Protein backbone atom coordinates (compact mmCIF):
# COMPACT_ATOMS: atom_id res chain seq x y z
CA UNK A 1 171.08 184.25 138.92
CA UNK A 2 170.85 180.99 137.95
CA UNK A 3 170.82 178.89 141.36
CA UNK A 4 173.21 176.32 141.23
CA UNK A 5 175.75 179.02 140.08
CA UNK A 6 175.03 180.51 143.45
CA UNK A 7 175.43 177.84 145.11
CA UNK A 8 178.98 177.39 143.71
CA UNK A 9 179.98 180.67 143.94
CA UNK A 10 178.56 180.54 147.94
CA UNK A 11 180.48 177.49 148.44
CA UNK A 12 183.69 178.93 146.97
CA UNK A 13 183.42 181.61 149.34
CA UNK A 14 182.78 179.89 152.77
CA UNK A 15 185.99 177.55 151.66
CA UNK A 16 187.93 180.40 151.01
CA UNK A 17 187.11 182.02 154.17
CA UNK A 18 187.38 178.89 156.08
CA UNK A 19 191.36 178.30 154.33
CA UNK A 20 191.43 181.99 155.14
CA UNK A 21 190.82 181.27 159.55
CA UNK A 22 192.88 178.38 159.66
CA UNK A 23 196.35 179.57 158.24
CA UNK A 24 198.86 180.25 160.78
CA UNK A 25 201.01 182.80 161.42
CA UNK A 26 203.63 181.59 158.88
CA UNK A 27 200.95 180.76 156.13
CA UNK A 28 201.07 177.72 156.34
CA UNK A 29 197.61 175.21 155.79
CA UNK A 30 197.10 173.96 159.39
CA UNK A 31 194.66 171.75 158.11
CA UNK A 32 197.40 169.15 157.81
CA UNK A 33 198.04 167.94 161.10
CA UNK A 34 195.23 169.10 163.51
CA UNK A 35 191.89 167.61 164.05
CA UNK A 36 189.11 168.96 165.59
CA UNK A 37 186.99 166.07 167.38
CA UNK A 38 183.99 168.79 168.52
CA UNK A 39 180.52 169.53 167.10
CA UNK A 40 180.69 170.72 163.55
CA UNK A 41 179.57 174.23 162.43
CA UNK A 42 180.40 175.74 159.04
CA UNK A 43 178.41 178.93 158.42
CA UNK A 44 177.20 181.50 161.11
CA UNK A 45 173.42 181.99 162.14
CA UNK A 46 173.16 185.69 160.02
CA UNK A 47 174.13 183.56 156.77
CA UNK A 48 171.74 180.89 157.36
CA UNK A 49 168.80 183.78 158.16
CA UNK A 50 170.07 185.40 154.72
CA UNK A 51 170.33 182.01 152.74
CA UNK A 52 166.10 181.33 154.24
CA UNK A 53 164.73 184.90 152.98
CA UNK A 54 166.11 184.06 149.77
CA UNK A 55 164.42 181.08 149.43
CA UNK A 56 167.47 179.96 148.61
CA UNK A 57 168.10 175.89 148.88
CA UNK A 58 170.85 175.10 151.33
CA UNK A 59 173.23 171.97 150.60
CA UNK A 60 174.76 169.86 152.66
CA UNK A 61 177.77 171.62 153.94
CA UNK A 62 181.39 170.79 154.39
CA UNK A 63 183.08 169.77 157.33
CA UNK A 64 184.34 172.02 159.56
CA UNK A 65 187.72 170.26 159.14
CA UNK A 66 188.84 168.60 156.38
CA UNK A 67 188.54 164.40 156.74
CA UNK A 68 192.45 163.48 157.04
CA UNK A 69 194.18 161.30 154.36
CA UNK A 70 194.32 158.25 155.32
CA UNK A 71 190.65 158.74 156.39
CA UNK A 72 189.70 159.25 152.81
CA UNK A 73 192.21 156.68 151.48
CA UNK A 74 190.80 154.16 153.67
CA UNK A 75 187.04 155.01 153.13
CA UNK A 76 187.70 154.81 149.23
CA UNK A 77 185.79 151.91 147.61
CA UNK A 78 187.69 149.04 145.28
CA UNK A 79 185.59 151.43 142.41
CA UNK A 80 188.13 154.45 143.31
CA UNK A 81 185.21 156.39 144.62
CA UNK A 82 185.98 159.76 147.19
CA UNK A 83 189.57 160.02 145.79
CA UNK A 84 191.43 163.28 146.80
CA UNK A 85 188.37 163.87 149.51
CA UNK A 86 185.46 164.42 146.68
CA UNK A 87 184.20 161.30 146.59
CA UNK A 88 180.71 160.90 144.81
CA UNK A 89 177.65 158.53 145.12
CA UNK A 90 177.16 155.00 143.67
CA UNK A 91 177.81 157.07 140.24
CA UNK A 92 181.58 157.42 140.71
CA UNK A 93 180.92 161.25 139.60
CA UNK A 94 182.92 163.41 142.04
CA UNK A 95 182.21 166.88 142.90
CA UNK A 96 183.42 169.84 145.63
CA UNK A 97 179.92 169.46 147.50
CA UNK A 98 180.19 165.92 147.85
CA UNK A 99 177.22 164.76 149.75
CA UNK A 100 177.92 161.13 150.74
CA UNK A 101 178.33 159.80 153.78
CA UNK A 102 181.73 160.89 155.86
CA UNK A 103 182.56 158.02 157.89
CA UNK A 104 185.63 157.85 160.02
CA UNK A 105 187.32 154.57 159.73
CA UNK A 106 187.15 153.10 163.16
CA UNK A 107 189.62 150.51 162.81
CA UNK A 108 192.48 150.97 164.86
CA UNK A 109 196.05 150.65 164.15
CA UNK A 110 197.39 146.88 164.26
CA UNK A 111 199.05 146.23 167.89
CA UNK A 112 202.70 145.67 168.21
CA UNK A 113 202.04 143.08 171.11
CA UNK A 114 202.02 140.15 168.87
CA UNK A 115 205.26 141.56 166.58
CA UNK A 116 207.36 142.04 170.21
CA UNK A 117 205.93 138.58 171.39
CA UNK A 118 207.10 136.44 168.04
CA UNK A 119 210.24 138.29 167.80
CA UNK A 120 211.22 137.09 171.58
CA UNK A 121 210.53 133.67 171.07
CA UNK A 122 212.63 133.94 168.15
CA UNK A 123 215.35 135.13 170.07
CA UNK A 124 215.16 132.37 173.08
CA UNK A 125 215.23 130.23 169.99
CA UNK A 126 218.27 131.27 168.48
CA UNK A 127 220.28 131.92 171.64
CA UNK A 128 219.05 127.85 172.93
CA UNK A 129 220.39 126.36 169.53
CA UNK A 130 223.49 128.54 170.49
CA UNK A 131 224.33 127.90 173.29
CA UNK A 132 223.72 123.84 172.80
CA UNK A 133 226.02 124.33 170.32
CA UNK A 134 228.69 125.43 172.04
CA UNK A 135 227.99 122.69 174.72
CA UNK A 136 228.69 119.96 171.98
CA UNK A 137 231.66 121.21 170.54
CA UNK A 138 233.39 122.69 173.92
CA UNK A 139 233.73 125.96 171.99
CA UNK A 140 234.43 127.48 175.34
CA UNK A 141 236.50 124.56 176.83
CA UNK A 142 238.43 123.46 173.74
CA UNK A 143 240.45 121.64 176.10
CA UNK A 144 238.15 119.23 177.76
CA UNK A 145 237.67 116.01 175.76
CA UNK A 146 234.35 115.74 173.74
CA UNK A 147 232.69 112.49 174.62
CA UNK A 148 228.64 111.20 173.86
CA UNK A 149 226.21 110.39 176.40
CA UNK A 150 227.50 106.82 175.92
CA UNK A 151 231.33 106.93 177.45
CA UNK A 152 230.32 109.46 180.11
CA UNK A 153 227.68 107.10 181.28
CA UNK A 154 230.63 104.16 181.51
CA UNK A 155 232.66 106.28 182.72
CA UNK A 156 230.52 107.22 185.70
CA UNK A 157 228.97 103.29 186.54
CA UNK A 158 232.03 101.21 188.41
CA UNK A 159 233.07 98.64 186.27
CA UNK A 160 232.12 94.94 187.53
CA UNK A 161 235.68 93.48 186.44
CA UNK A 162 237.57 95.80 189.18
CA UNK A 163 239.99 97.89 188.60
CA UNK A 164 240.26 101.51 187.46
CA UNK A 165 239.30 104.58 190.23
CA UNK A 166 236.52 105.59 188.72
CA UNK A 167 234.33 107.98 191.10
CA UNK A 168 230.82 109.21 191.14
CA UNK A 169 229.92 112.68 192.45
CA UNK A 170 227.77 112.71 195.10
CA UNK A 171 226.20 114.79 198.26
CA UNK A 172 226.46 111.40 200.44
CA UNK A 173 228.33 108.20 199.59
CA UNK A 174 226.23 105.60 198.17
CA UNK A 175 226.35 102.18 196.85
CA UNK A 176 228.29 99.13 198.96
CA UNK A 177 229.53 100.89 201.36
CA UNK A 178 227.29 104.03 201.99
CA UNK A 179 226.31 105.29 205.87
CA UNK A 180 223.75 103.25 206.21
CA UNK A 181 225.64 99.63 205.86
CA UNK A 182 228.18 101.30 208.23
CA UNK A 183 225.23 102.26 211.06
CA UNK A 184 223.80 98.14 210.31
CA UNK A 185 227.43 96.98 210.80
CA UNK A 186 228.69 99.02 213.87
CA UNK A 187 225.32 100.86 215.77
CA UNK A 188 225.30 96.79 218.33
CA UNK A 189 228.22 97.68 219.03
CA UNK A 190 227.38 101.07 221.04
CA UNK A 191 226.31 101.48 224.17
CA UNK A 192 224.76 104.05 226.32
CA UNK A 193 226.83 104.83 229.20
CA UNK A 194 224.81 105.99 232.46
CA UNK A 195 226.84 107.30 235.67
CA UNK A 196 225.86 107.11 239.29
CA UNK A 197 226.92 108.38 242.23
CA UNK A 198 226.68 108.22 245.94
CA UNK A 199 225.43 111.46 247.48
CA UNK A 200 227.87 111.77 250.08
CA UNK A 201 230.25 111.67 247.67
CA UNK A 202 229.28 114.55 244.83
CA UNK A 203 227.74 117.00 247.25
CA UNK A 204 228.91 120.45 246.84
CA UNK A 205 229.05 119.81 243.22
CA UNK A 206 226.37 120.54 241.42
CA UNK A 207 223.08 119.80 240.22
CA UNK A 208 221.47 116.08 240.33
CA UNK A 209 225.50 115.29 241.69
CA UNK A 210 227.03 116.33 238.01
CA UNK A 211 229.78 119.24 237.84
CA UNK A 212 227.36 121.26 235.58
CA UNK A 213 230.02 124.20 235.14
CA UNK A 214 232.38 121.54 233.85
CA UNK A 215 233.02 122.40 229.99
CA UNK A 216 232.71 118.81 229.08
CA UNK A 217 229.78 117.91 230.87
CA UNK A 218 228.43 120.99 229.44
CA UNK A 219 229.52 120.18 225.79
CA UNK A 220 228.56 116.55 226.95
CA UNK A 221 225.61 115.77 229.25
CA UNK A 222 223.90 119.00 229.07
CA UNK A 223 221.50 120.78 231.50
CA UNK A 224 221.85 117.33 234.71
CA UNK A 225 219.19 115.82 235.80
CA UNK A 226 217.04 117.83 238.07
CA UNK A 227 214.44 117.23 241.03
CA UNK A 228 213.91 115.51 244.17
CA UNK A 229 217.35 113.66 243.49
CA UNK A 230 219.69 116.88 242.28
CA UNK A 231 221.08 119.36 244.82
CA UNK A 232 218.65 120.58 246.65
CA UNK A 233 219.14 122.75 249.96
CA UNK A 234 217.01 120.30 252.52
CA UNK A 235 213.98 121.77 253.63
CA UNK A 236 213.72 123.44 257.53
CA UNK A 237 213.31 120.10 259.49
CA UNK A 238 214.18 117.52 257.03
CA UNK A 239 216.54 115.52 257.70
CA UNK A 240 219.58 114.67 255.14
CA UNK A 241 219.30 111.92 252.44
CA UNK A 242 221.67 108.50 253.70
CA UNK A 243 224.83 108.80 251.97
CA UNK A 244 224.81 105.50 250.54
CA UNK A 245 222.07 107.06 248.26
CA UNK A 246 222.86 107.00 244.53
CA UNK A 247 222.16 109.93 242.25
CA UNK A 248 222.22 110.11 238.22
CA UNK A 249 225.27 112.00 236.97
CA UNK A 250 225.00 111.99 233.21
CA UNK A 251 225.13 110.23 230.21
CA UNK A 252 227.68 109.67 227.73
CA UNK A 253 228.58 107.05 224.99
CA UNK A 254 231.25 104.45 224.37
CA UNK A 255 231.67 101.07 221.96
CA UNK A 256 232.75 97.76 222.39
CA UNK A 257 236.72 97.04 220.69
CA UNK A 258 236.56 93.54 221.72
CA UNK A 259 233.84 90.80 221.67
CA UNK A 260 234.84 89.54 225.36
CA UNK A 261 233.28 92.69 226.60
CA UNK A 262 235.61 95.44 226.82
CA UNK A 263 234.60 98.95 225.92
CA UNK A 264 236.80 102.61 225.39
CA UNK A 265 234.78 105.75 226.51
CA UNK A 266 236.31 109.00 227.67
CA UNK A 267 237.68 110.01 230.99
CA UNK A 268 235.53 112.39 231.84
CA UNK A 269 232.40 110.59 231.06
CA UNK A 270 233.29 107.82 233.85
CA UNK A 271 234.74 110.55 236.34
CA UNK A 272 233.85 110.62 240.17
CA UNK A 273 231.27 107.64 238.92
CA UNK A 274 230.58 104.72 241.66
CA UNK A 275 228.27 103.26 239.21
CA UNK A 276 228.54 102.54 235.68
CA UNK A 277 225.71 101.21 233.73
CA UNK A 278 226.02 99.87 230.33
CA UNK A 279 223.34 99.76 227.88
CA UNK A 280 223.73 97.70 224.51
CA UNK A 281 220.93 98.67 221.36
CA UNK A 282 217.59 96.39 221.45
CA UNK A 283 218.30 95.47 225.41
CA UNK A 284 216.15 97.05 228.07
CA UNK A 285 218.12 95.13 231.11
CA UNK A 286 221.28 97.45 231.43
CA UNK A 287 224.75 96.10 232.52
CA UNK A 288 227.24 96.91 235.28
CA UNK A 289 230.54 97.50 234.31
CA UNK A 290 233.60 98.14 235.52
CA UNK A 291 236.20 100.54 235.63
CA UNK A 292 239.53 98.99 234.69
CA UNK A 293 241.71 102.01 233.52
CA UNK A 294 241.82 105.69 232.75
CA UNK A 295 244.07 108.30 231.64
CA UNK A 296 243.03 111.55 232.46
CA UNK A 297 245.85 113.31 229.87
CA UNK A 298 244.42 111.57 227.06
CA UNK A 299 241.06 111.29 228.09
CA UNK A 300 240.26 108.18 227.68
CA UNK A 301 239.11 104.81 230.09
CA UNK A 302 238.42 100.94 229.60
CA UNK A 303 235.41 99.17 230.96
CA UNK A 304 234.59 95.58 230.78
CA UNK A 305 231.10 93.97 231.10
CA UNK A 306 230.20 90.18 231.75
CA UNK A 307 228.16 88.13 229.65
CA UNK A 308 224.99 86.78 230.87
CA UNK A 309 224.38 82.93 230.99
CA UNK A 310 223.91 81.81 227.81
CA UNK A 311 225.06 85.07 226.00
CA UNK A 312 226.36 84.89 222.77
CA UNK A 313 229.52 87.34 222.24
CA UNK A 314 229.07 91.01 222.25
CA UNK A 315 229.15 92.91 218.62
CA UNK A 316 232.78 94.51 217.73
CA UNK A 317 233.65 98.12 216.31
CA UNK A 318 236.89 97.39 215.30
CA UNK A 319 239.52 99.97 215.66
CA UNK A 320 241.01 101.38 212.31
CA UNK A 321 243.73 103.26 211.44
CA UNK A 322 243.23 107.32 211.51
CA UNK A 323 246.65 107.49 210.26
CA UNK A 324 244.87 106.32 206.47
CA UNK A 325 242.30 108.71 206.57
CA UNK A 326 242.11 111.23 204.05
CA UNK A 327 240.63 115.39 204.60
CA UNK A 328 237.87 115.06 202.97
CA UNK A 329 236.78 111.45 203.47
CA UNK A 330 233.06 110.62 204.70
CA UNK A 331 232.68 110.12 208.52
CA UNK A 332 229.84 108.77 210.62
CA UNK A 333 229.15 109.43 214.33
CA UNK A 334 226.68 107.11 216.38
CA UNK A 335 225.70 108.41 219.88
CA UNK A 336 222.99 109.32 222.58
CA UNK A 337 223.11 112.82 222.34
CA UNK A 338 220.57 114.12 224.98
CA UNK A 339 219.29 110.81 225.71
CA UNK A 340 218.44 110.13 222.14
CA UNK A 341 219.69 106.68 221.57
CA UNK A 342 221.72 105.30 218.29
CA UNK A 343 221.46 109.12 217.02
CA UNK A 344 223.75 109.00 213.84
CA UNK A 345 225.37 111.85 212.11
CA UNK A 346 227.06 112.36 208.94
CA UNK A 347 230.14 114.49 207.69
CA UNK A 348 233.71 114.55 206.22
CA UNK A 349 237.37 114.43 207.20
CA UNK A 350 237.72 118.10 208.35
CA UNK A 351 241.42 118.34 209.48
CA UNK A 352 243.78 116.53 211.54
CA UNK A 353 246.22 117.52 214.33
CA UNK A 354 244.41 120.15 215.93
CA UNK A 355 245.51 121.12 219.51
CA UNK A 356 242.55 121.82 222.34
CA UNK A 357 242.87 122.78 225.18
CA UNK A 358 239.60 122.21 227.89
CA UNK A 359 239.80 123.41 231.83
CA UNK A 360 238.17 120.79 234.45
CA UNK A 361 236.97 122.62 236.89
CA UNK A 362 236.47 119.77 239.60
CA UNK A 363 240.19 118.81 239.14
CA UNK A 364 241.14 122.12 238.84
CA UNK A 365 243.64 120.48 235.74
CA UNK A 366 243.42 121.51 232.25
CA UNK A 367 243.15 118.53 229.75
CA UNK A 368 245.65 119.21 226.98
CA UNK A 369 244.40 117.25 223.61
CA UNK A 370 247.16 117.12 220.76
CA UNK A 371 246.30 115.52 217.18
CA UNK A 372 242.56 115.23 216.95
CA UNK A 373 241.02 114.65 214.31
CA UNK A 374 238.17 117.81 213.00
CA UNK A 375 234.74 117.05 211.64
CA UNK A 376 231.99 118.80 210.55
CA UNK A 377 229.43 115.63 211.44
CA UNK A 378 227.03 117.16 214.39
CA UNK A 379 228.32 116.39 218.15
CA UNK A 380 226.18 116.90 220.75
CA UNK A 381 226.09 116.02 224.47
CA UNK A 382 225.71 112.37 224.92
CA UNK A 383 227.64 111.26 221.86
CA UNK A 384 231.02 112.17 223.80
CA UNK A 385 232.91 108.55 224.02
CA UNK A 386 231.02 107.29 220.66
CA UNK A 387 232.84 106.05 217.58
CA UNK A 388 233.83 108.37 214.69
CA UNK A 389 233.38 105.83 212.01
CA UNK A 390 234.87 105.72 208.18
CA UNK A 391 232.71 104.26 205.41
CA UNK A 392 234.27 100.29 206.19
CA UNK A 393 233.15 100.43 209.76
CA UNK A 394 235.96 100.88 211.33
CA UNK A 395 236.60 102.83 214.23
CA UNK A 396 239.34 105.91 213.48
CA UNK A 397 238.15 108.23 216.17
CA UNK A 398 236.16 108.43 219.27
CA UNK A 399 233.95 112.34 220.17
CA UNK A 400 235.25 114.45 222.62
CA UNK A 401 234.37 117.74 222.23
CA UNK A 402 232.83 120.34 220.30
CA UNK A 403 233.51 123.92 219.54
CA UNK A 404 230.86 126.65 222.16
CA UNK A 405 230.98 129.45 219.85
CA UNK A 406 230.21 127.91 216.03
CA UNK A 407 228.54 125.46 214.88
CA UNK A 408 229.96 121.80 212.43
CA UNK A 409 233.18 121.75 214.37
CA UNK A 410 233.72 118.80 216.69
CA UNK A 411 237.08 117.37 218.03
CA UNK A 412 237.32 113.19 218.31
CA UNK A 413 240.64 111.68 219.86
CA UNK A 414 242.36 109.11 216.55
CA UNK A 415 242.36 105.86 217.24
CA UNK A 416 246.13 105.88 216.50
CA UNK A 417 246.10 107.11 220.51
CA UNK A 418 243.75 104.74 221.42
CA UNK A 419 245.69 101.52 220.20
CA UNK A 420 248.59 102.48 222.12
CA UNK A 421 246.90 103.38 225.14
CA UNK A 422 244.12 100.29 225.42
CA UNK A 423 246.87 97.56 226.17
CA UNK A 424 248.05 99.73 229.66
CA UNK A 425 244.02 100.62 230.55
CA UNK A 426 243.01 97.15 230.29
CA UNK A 427 245.71 96.28 232.59
CA UNK A 428 245.22 99.15 234.95
CA UNK A 429 248.51 100.89 233.99
CA UNK A 430 249.55 104.18 233.91
CA UNK A 431 249.88 105.14 229.92
CA UNK A 432 253.35 106.14 228.93
CA UNK A 433 253.38 109.84 228.62
CA UNK A 434 254.48 111.51 224.67
CA UNK A 435 257.11 113.04 225.00
CA UNK A 436 257.49 116.70 224.89
CA UNK A 437 260.95 118.65 224.60
CA UNK A 438 261.60 121.30 227.03
CA UNK A 439 263.89 123.77 229.13
CA UNK A 440 261.69 125.00 231.96
CA UNK A 441 261.69 128.48 231.16
CA UNK A 442 258.97 130.78 231.47
CA UNK A 443 259.06 133.62 228.52
CA UNK A 444 258.19 136.93 227.78
CA UNK A 445 258.27 138.85 224.80
CA UNK A 446 260.35 141.62 224.18
CA UNK A 447 258.84 144.82 223.16
CA UNK A 448 259.96 148.50 222.81
CA UNK A 449 258.22 149.37 226.07
CA UNK A 450 259.94 146.59 228.09
CA UNK A 451 263.33 146.63 226.20
CA UNK A 452 262.97 150.83 227.37
CA UNK A 453 262.76 149.94 231.26
CA UNK A 454 265.82 147.05 230.99
CA UNK A 455 267.86 150.23 229.44
CA UNK A 456 268.72 147.92 226.23
CA UNK A 457 268.88 148.70 222.33
CA UNK A 458 267.65 145.10 221.70
CA UNK A 459 264.15 145.79 220.79
CA UNK A 460 263.56 141.67 219.44
CA UNK A 461 263.75 138.45 221.65
CA UNK A 462 262.50 136.64 225.07
CA UNK A 463 263.40 138.10 228.25
CA UNK A 464 263.55 134.93 230.61
CA UNK A 465 260.54 135.55 233.74
CA UNK A 466 261.51 132.17 235.59
CA UNK A 467 262.54 129.20 235.53
CA UNK A 468 261.51 125.57 236.78
CA UNK A 469 263.10 124.02 239.47
CA UNK A 470 266.39 121.46 238.54
CA UNK A 471 264.80 122.12 234.89
CA UNK A 472 267.43 121.96 231.96
CA UNK A 473 267.22 126.13 231.90
CA UNK A 474 267.98 125.98 236.00
CA UNK A 475 270.80 123.95 235.62
CA UNK A 476 272.12 125.83 232.50
CA UNK A 477 272.25 128.69 234.68
CA UNK A 478 269.30 130.27 232.85
CA UNK A 479 268.31 133.45 234.56
CA UNK A 480 265.50 135.80 235.13
CA UNK A 481 265.89 139.48 232.41
CA UNK A 482 267.97 137.69 230.68
CA UNK A 483 267.08 138.34 227.13
CA UNK A 484 267.29 135.24 224.53
CA UNK A 485 268.10 136.66 221.05
CA UNK A 486 268.40 133.43 219.04
CA UNK A 487 269.05 129.77 219.19
CA UNK A 488 272.43 128.32 217.36
CA UNK A 489 273.20 131.41 216.02
CA UNK A 490 269.24 131.85 214.85
CA UNK A 491 267.32 135.32 215.50
CA UNK A 492 264.63 134.46 216.86
CA UNK A 493 262.03 137.50 217.39
CA UNK A 494 258.84 136.44 220.19
CA UNK A 495 258.79 134.21 222.55
CA UNK A 496 256.21 131.91 220.40
CA UNK A 497 259.33 131.86 217.59
CA UNK A 498 261.86 130.44 220.08
CA UNK A 499 259.31 128.19 221.59
CA UNK A 500 258.60 126.65 218.33
CA UNK A 501 262.03 125.87 217.45
CA UNK A 502 262.58 123.63 220.68
CA UNK A 503 259.39 121.49 220.23
CA UNK A 504 260.90 120.29 216.96
CA UNK A 505 263.90 119.32 219.16
CA UNK A 506 264.71 115.84 220.38
CA UNK A 507 264.16 114.94 224.03
CA UNK A 508 268.11 114.44 225.16
CA UNK A 509 269.67 116.90 222.10
CA UNK A 510 271.12 120.12 223.33
CA UNK A 511 271.29 123.85 221.91
CA UNK A 512 273.24 126.84 222.69
CA UNK A 513 270.62 129.84 223.10
CA UNK A 514 272.10 132.93 222.37
CA UNK A 515 271.43 135.26 225.48
CA UNK A 516 271.94 139.31 226.51
CA UNK A 517 272.97 139.42 230.05
CA UNK A 518 273.71 142.81 231.67
CA UNK A 519 274.69 144.10 228.05
CA UNK A 520 277.24 141.28 227.45
CA UNK A 521 276.27 138.76 225.19
CA UNK A 522 276.82 134.82 226.03
CA UNK A 523 276.11 131.49 225.17
CA UNK A 524 274.54 129.22 227.09
CA UNK A 525 274.45 125.62 226.45
CA UNK A 526 270.99 123.64 227.28
CA UNK A 527 270.12 120.55 227.15
CA UNK A 528 266.01 119.47 226.15
CA UNK A 529 264.28 117.80 228.44
CA UNK A 530 260.84 115.95 228.75
CA UNK A 531 257.95 118.17 230.33
CA UNK A 532 256.59 114.66 231.80
CA UNK A 533 259.40 114.99 234.34
CA UNK A 534 259.19 118.17 235.84
CA UNK A 535 256.73 119.67 238.16
CA UNK A 536 256.34 123.29 236.06
CA UNK A 537 254.15 124.30 239.54
CA UNK A 538 257.59 125.07 241.00
CA UNK A 539 259.75 127.67 239.64
CA UNK A 540 263.57 128.43 240.10
CA UNK A 541 261.92 131.27 243.03
CA UNK A 542 262.06 128.49 245.33
């Protein structure tokens, strides 16, 4: 047999056998999607042995798996060789027994990371341009006027010629009237107040002679002063200290409001003090101050210091008008918190006309504060009596209290109250109290349970618990267990509603109370009195 024919027939048989072996049950050729990367093996050992015995020339076998189409296409050179898996050698001749080198293309498919990066950058550029265009054209705020940068800058800059109400938005006020200028102007008039008392007169009150359990003391004086001079039990065999020995009580603040040396501070700062020392800014030697007058109810006191020979007039922090301040206006507080002299804090006016009550454990009385200014400027122990200033350097309040349960809630006595009181305190006269509308009856709410016990079908109103002796309610024959359903024909469901109505009346006026007594409706006319004229501790049971 011709050797070439033998080789051709043999190769055809092997190819047919290979194709039959790689057909799937459906009769389809799997070579189009299945690739094997194991060792190549074209024939078994028996066929190889038979060919060797016949001295048959063995040609290079085809691969076990056909080369993928895309590999064949990529490995074909520019002359068109290797088409259809039968690429030839350098002459370009093709046959089924291609003896050329089978080289798989090792080039990896191009990564998509670069394409994704370019797409992302392009998208961001497009979005940026769209946002800029929308902002410049006021696409989402068509009612806003479109202005250029020059116009915006011109509106934000105050005019040198005056006029206009241009406002520059900022976190803190800046310019001619800022915090630093206020401090420079007013700080020299702010003083530190040290109080001392004789040991005998302060015995039993607390550590260092101060009433440390007093809420006001805790607010403004801290923990007091310890040490040997404090209120400690003497050791066994040790003699008590001399009665005239002075012990420190606490530290407070104040401010000079008159160049002759008149100082305003809180009454609770100097309460019970035998010696009051005042230290000015940049002065190491304190002045000894004299208490001219004080008011427990208003918590105000006026001190006086005398100039030394050769001294100039004292610096002054003038009183302003607190009625002209607006909520949201910037304020500055200066004081001596925890003994740190002339500490400055700033905040805004949070609210006006606040009312609080603070019990004084030393006098067993309660201070009723009204018309207070509320601020978020930091007020700490030692700030009591210090000024609260506006940006003009005017005192519009006196720091007096803080909320112990919150931060940023401080209170100050308004300058409108100080202005009226100072002329009386300078002369050590009693400050006339503001009239408080009052009828002199202790009231409680009428609840369904109380109504059931009283045997009445009325479930809303106020029940009279007691009356103050010789008060308007007492003189009008208002009796305990009377049920007040309204006033002047208007029903009031709770006692607080009725009290609010009475507070709005004028002292000396008259109202008609609608009363239910023993199941009968009656009208009781009551004249509005002034609470300050009566001792509310005395009741009708006397």
